Amino acid sequence: MNIEGLLIFLLIGAIAGWLAGLLIKGGGYGLLGNIVIGIVGAVIGGSIFNALGIVAGGLIGSIVTATVGAAVLLFIVRLIKRA
């Protein structure tokens, strides 16, 4: 992966983490927190979309996939915190 690809990867993670934080109303997680949440969310979202047979391509599709996965991640974390 070249430097441009890495920067895009991190940017998608940051955007997805930020959007998921807005959707779940978990508050701000900071830049690093949003990137981590977005990257983990991309893995979760990719698995969910793959299981459903949904193919999301391109930059917007990647952001949507990562945001959905990050929102699921934050939802699960919130459920665990309450228990």
C-alpha atoms as a PDB file:
ATOM      1  CA  MET A   1       0.000   0.000   0.000  1.00  0.00           C
ATOM      2  CA  ASN A   2       1.412   3.364  -0.975  1.00  0.00           C
ATOM      3  CA  ILE A   3       1.136   6.539   1.087  1.00  0.00           C
ATOM      4  CA  GLU A   4      -1.864   7.776  -0.896  1.00  0.00           C
ATOM      5  CA  GLY A   5      -3.769   4.546  -0.279  1.00  0.00           C
ATOM      6  CA  LEU A   6      -2.934   4.676   3.426  1.00  0.00           C
ATOM      7  CA  LEU A   7      -4.164   8.258   3.712  1.00  0.00           C
ATOM      8  CA  ILE A   8      -7.430   7.385   1.957  1.00  0.00           C
ATOM      9  CA  PHE A   9      -7.829   4.355   4.232  1.00  0.00           C
ATOM     10  CA  LEU A  10      -7.358   6.534   7.336  1.00  0.00           C
ATOM     11  CA  LEU A  11      -9.652   9.255   5.980  1.00  0.00           C
ATOM     12  CA  ILE A  12     -12.447   6.756   5.319  1.00  0.00           C
ATOM     13  CA  GLY A  13     -11.999   5.382   8.837  1.00  0.00           C
ATOM     14  CA  ALA A  14     -12.150   8.859  10.372  1.00  0.00           C
ATOM     15  CA  ILE A  15     -15.273   9.834   8.410  1.00  0.00           C
ATOM     16  CA  ALA A  16     -17.030   6.542   9.161  1.00  0.00           C
ATOM     17  CA  GLY A  17     -16.212   6.726  12.875  1.00  0.00           C
ATOM     18  CA  TRP A  18     -17.419  10.312  13.066  1.00  0.00           C
ATOM     19  CA  LEU A  19     -20.672   9.528  11.220  1.00  0.00           C
ATOM     20  CA  ALA A  20     -21.315   6.476  13.397  1.00  0.00           C
ATOM     21  CA  GLY A  21     -20.764   8.604  16.499  1.00  0.00           C
ATOM     22  CA  LEU A  22     -23.421  11.012  15.232  1.00  0.00           C
ATOM     23  CA  LEU A  23     -25.848   8.187  14.423  1.00  0.00           C
ATOM     24  CA  ILE A  24     -25.469   6.378  17.737  1.00  0.00           C
ATOM     25  CA  LYS A  25     -25.134   9.636  19.703  1.00  0.00           C
ATOM     26  CA  GLY A  26     -22.110   8.364  21.550  1.00  0.00           C
ATOM     27  CA  GLY A  27     -20.352  11.692  21.508  1.00  0.00           C
ATOM     28  CA  GLY A  28     -16.976  12.557  20.115  1.00  0.00           C
ATOM     29  CA  TYR A  29     -14.219   9.965  20.151  1.00  0.00           C
ATOM     30  CA  GLY A  30     -11.433  12.169  18.845  1.00  0.00           C
ATOM     31  CA  LEU A  31      -9.576  11.721  15.597  1.00  0.00           C
ATOM     32  CA  LEU A  32      -7.694   8.570  16.599  1.00  0.00           C
ATOM     33  CA  GLY A  33     -10.786   7.025  18.185  1.00  0.00           C
ATOM     34  CA  ASN A  34     -12.864   7.736  15.073  1.00  0.00           C
ATOM     35  CA  ILE A  35     -10.208   6.187  12.844  1.00  0.00           C
ATOM     36  CA  VAL A  36     -10.052   3.010  14.946  1.00  0.00           C
ATOM     37  CA  ILE A  37     -13.844   2.757  15.158  1.00  0.00           C
ATOM     38  CA  GLY A  38     -14.119   3.339  11.403  1.00  0.00           C
ATOM     39  CA  ILE A  39     -11.493   0.732  10.503  1.00  0.00           C
ATOM     40  CA  VAL A  40     -13.010  -1.920  12.770  1.00  0.00           C
ATOM     41  CA  GLY A  41     -16.407  -0.874  11.449  1.00  0.00           C
ATOM     42  CA  ALA A  42     -15.219  -1.405   7.879  1.00  0.00           C
ATOM     43  CA  VAL A  43     -14.393  -5.014   8.700  1.00  0.00           C
ATOM     44  CA  ILE A  44     -17.748  -5.544  10.434  1.00  0.00           C
ATOM     45  CA  GLY A  45     -19.688  -3.728   7.702  1.00  0.00           C
ATOM     46  CA  GLY A  46     -17.886  -5.664   4.969  1.00  0.00           C
ATOM     47  CA  SER A  47     -18.825  -8.928   6.659  1.00  0.00           C
ATOM     48  CA  ILE A  48     -22.452  -7.862   7.057  1.00  0.00           C
ATOM     49  CA  PHE A  49     -22.751  -6.638   3.467  1.00  0.00           C
ATOM     50  CA  ASN A  50     -21.025  -9.772   2.152  1.00  0.00           C
ATOM     51  CA  ALA A  51     -23.416 -12.018   4.091  1.00  0.00           C
ATOM     52  CA  LEU A  52     -26.371 -10.110   2.645  1.00  0.00           C
ATOM     53  CA  GLY A  53     -24.931 -10.225  -0.880  1.00  0.00           C
ATOM     54  CA  ILE A  54     -24.603  -6.448  -1.118  1.00  0.00           C
ATOM     55  CA  VAL A  55     -21.687  -5.058  -3.101  1.00  0.00           C
ATOM     56  CA  ALA A  56     -20.788  -1.474  -2.237  1.00  0.00           C
ATOM     57  CA  GLY A  57     -18.024  -0.151  -4.449  1.00  0.00           C
ATOM     58  CA  GLY A  58     -16.275   3.156  -4.782  1.00  0.00           C
ATOM     59  CA  LEU A  59     -15.441   5.780  -2.217  1.00  0.00           C
ATOM     60  CA  ILE A  60     -19.023   6.466  -1.125  1.00  0.00           C
ATOM     61  CA  GLY A  61     -19.766   2.739  -0.897  1.00  0.00           C
ATOM     62  CA  SER A  62     -16.697   2.247   1.287  1.00  0.00           C
ATOM     63  CA  ILE A  63     -17.771   5.053   3.607  1.00  0.00           C
ATOM     64  CA  VAL A  64     -21.315   3.676   3.830  1.00  0.00           C
ATOM     65  CA  THR A  65     -20.045   0.152   4.543  1.00  0.00           C
ATOM     66  CA  ALA A  66     -17.628   1.349   7.210  1.00  0.00           C
ATOM     67  CA  THR A  67     -20.247   3.629   8.785  1.00  0.00           C
ATOM     68  CA  VAL A  68     -22.822   0.842   9.029  1.00  0.00           C
ATOM     69  CA  GLY A  69     -20.244  -1.459  10.601  1.00  0.00           C
ATOM     70  CA  ALA A  70     -19.046   1.243  12.997  1.00  0.00           C
ATOM     71  CA  ALA A  71     -22.626   1.985  14.053  1.00  0.00           C
ATOM     72  CA  VAL A  72     -23.159  -1.727  14.751  1.00  0.00           C
ATOM     73  CA  LEU A  73     -19.908  -1.773  16.736  1.00  0.00           C
ATOM     74  CA  LEU A  74     -20.927   1.241  18.837  1.00  0.00           C
ATOM     75  CA  PHE A  75     -24.385  -0.229  19.400  1.00  0.00           C
ATOM     76  CA  ILE A  76     -22.880  -3.498  20.669  1.00  0.00           C
ATOM     77  CA  VAL A  77     -20.388  -1.636  22.887  1.00  0.00           C
ATOM     78  CA  ARG A  78     -23.246   0.420  24.353  1.00  0.00           C
ATOM     79  CA  LEU A  79     -25.224  -2.770  25.094  1.00  0.00           C
ATOM     80  CA  ILE A  80     -22.216  -4.332  26.811  1.00  0.00           C
ATOM     81  CA  LYS A  81     -21.610  -1.196  28.903  1.00  0.00           C
ATOM     82  CA  ARG A  82     -25.215  -1.223  30.130  1.00  0.00           C
ATOM     83  CA  ALA A  83     -25.065  -4.864  31.219  1.00  0.00           C
END
